[in-house]
Amino acid sequence: MDLHYDALELPWFHKFGYAEFETDSGTALTTDLQELDNSADAHFDDGVRCLRCEYNLTGLNDGPCPECGMLFEREKLLAYHAGAPAPVPIWGERKEVGTSAAYIRTLFAVWFHPINFARRFPLNPVAREPVIFARITLAIAMLLVLAPPIIFTSPSPMDIVSVMVMCVWGPVCVNICERLSTVILLMSPEGEHPTDDMHVRSLGLVRMTRAFLLHSAVLISIASIGSIVLTSQWDSWKLARVGCPIALVYWWVCMTCIAAAYRRSVWNVIIAIVLLPVVAAISIGLVFALMMVIAGAMGP
């Protein structure tokens, strides 16, 4: 009897425990799936895919992916596809390549390959990895923005207090932006309430996009240093006034791409296009509101 496992082509059979096979006298059904698995391994797909290129690794042992060359361990991939906690792509390789190298490579992956990064993001990420990446990124951004005025000038006590207030208020604004972005990412036209697992994964992915914060931080830092060191004939802040809106638009485009890759829904793309600018406006408005309060407190 020649058996052919066609359960993948006929998925509704799985609901009733049946699979199809062909005999010399025609087609029949059986509930003995174990028999079919043992006799037709070549037709069985265990769902194991390469985390980099999504190549089907069914039947392959530990080693490099035939498509992209990425090394894999079969047992770890099986656990990953079963929902076990998995490391964040690239950032999770810190022990192998070093924290600095992993951080820089993760930045470039988020900046220039957001769709691929979103597709590779694990179903159940190790909870602390996005948090650690986000905290490091925010610390670097705050240092870039707040350090130049203190290093290159003689700050007054009020200036120091202002910096300390911004060190507290900045993370609050960033977290508000990320929480709102996560809500947008989880929206559905049916109004379904997201599960806790979906929320954790979405928030983890959004926290990785904190990498885009460094674009504006670098521009503001350069403008700040330029205004202190260079002559007043050159308006160094023009760089920030022009570059920061461009960086914001780039964040908007990339976040829309991430929403499309993550949810794979036209609805989520439209929602991201419409609502992400609102989220950015709220966050920027909160920052400028605090800056106006500080400026008023410092006086003329």
Foldseek 3Di string as FASTA:
>chain_A
DDFDWPCVVVVVCVVVQWTWTADPVGIDIDNPVVVNCVVCVVRDQPCQADLQPRHRQRPHAFAADPPPGDTDHPVVSSCQVVPHADEQPLCSCCVPPNNVVSLVVLLCCCQPPLLSSLLSGGLHHDQCSLVVSLVVLVVVLLCLQLVLVVPLHPDDPLSVVLSVVCVVVVVVLVVLLLVVLLVLLPDDPVRDDDDPSSSSSSSSSSSSLSSLSVQLSNLNSQQSNCCRPPDPVDNSCVSNVPRVVVSVVSSLVSSLSSSCSNVVDPVSSVSSNPCSVVSVCVSVVSVVVSVVVSDVVVPD
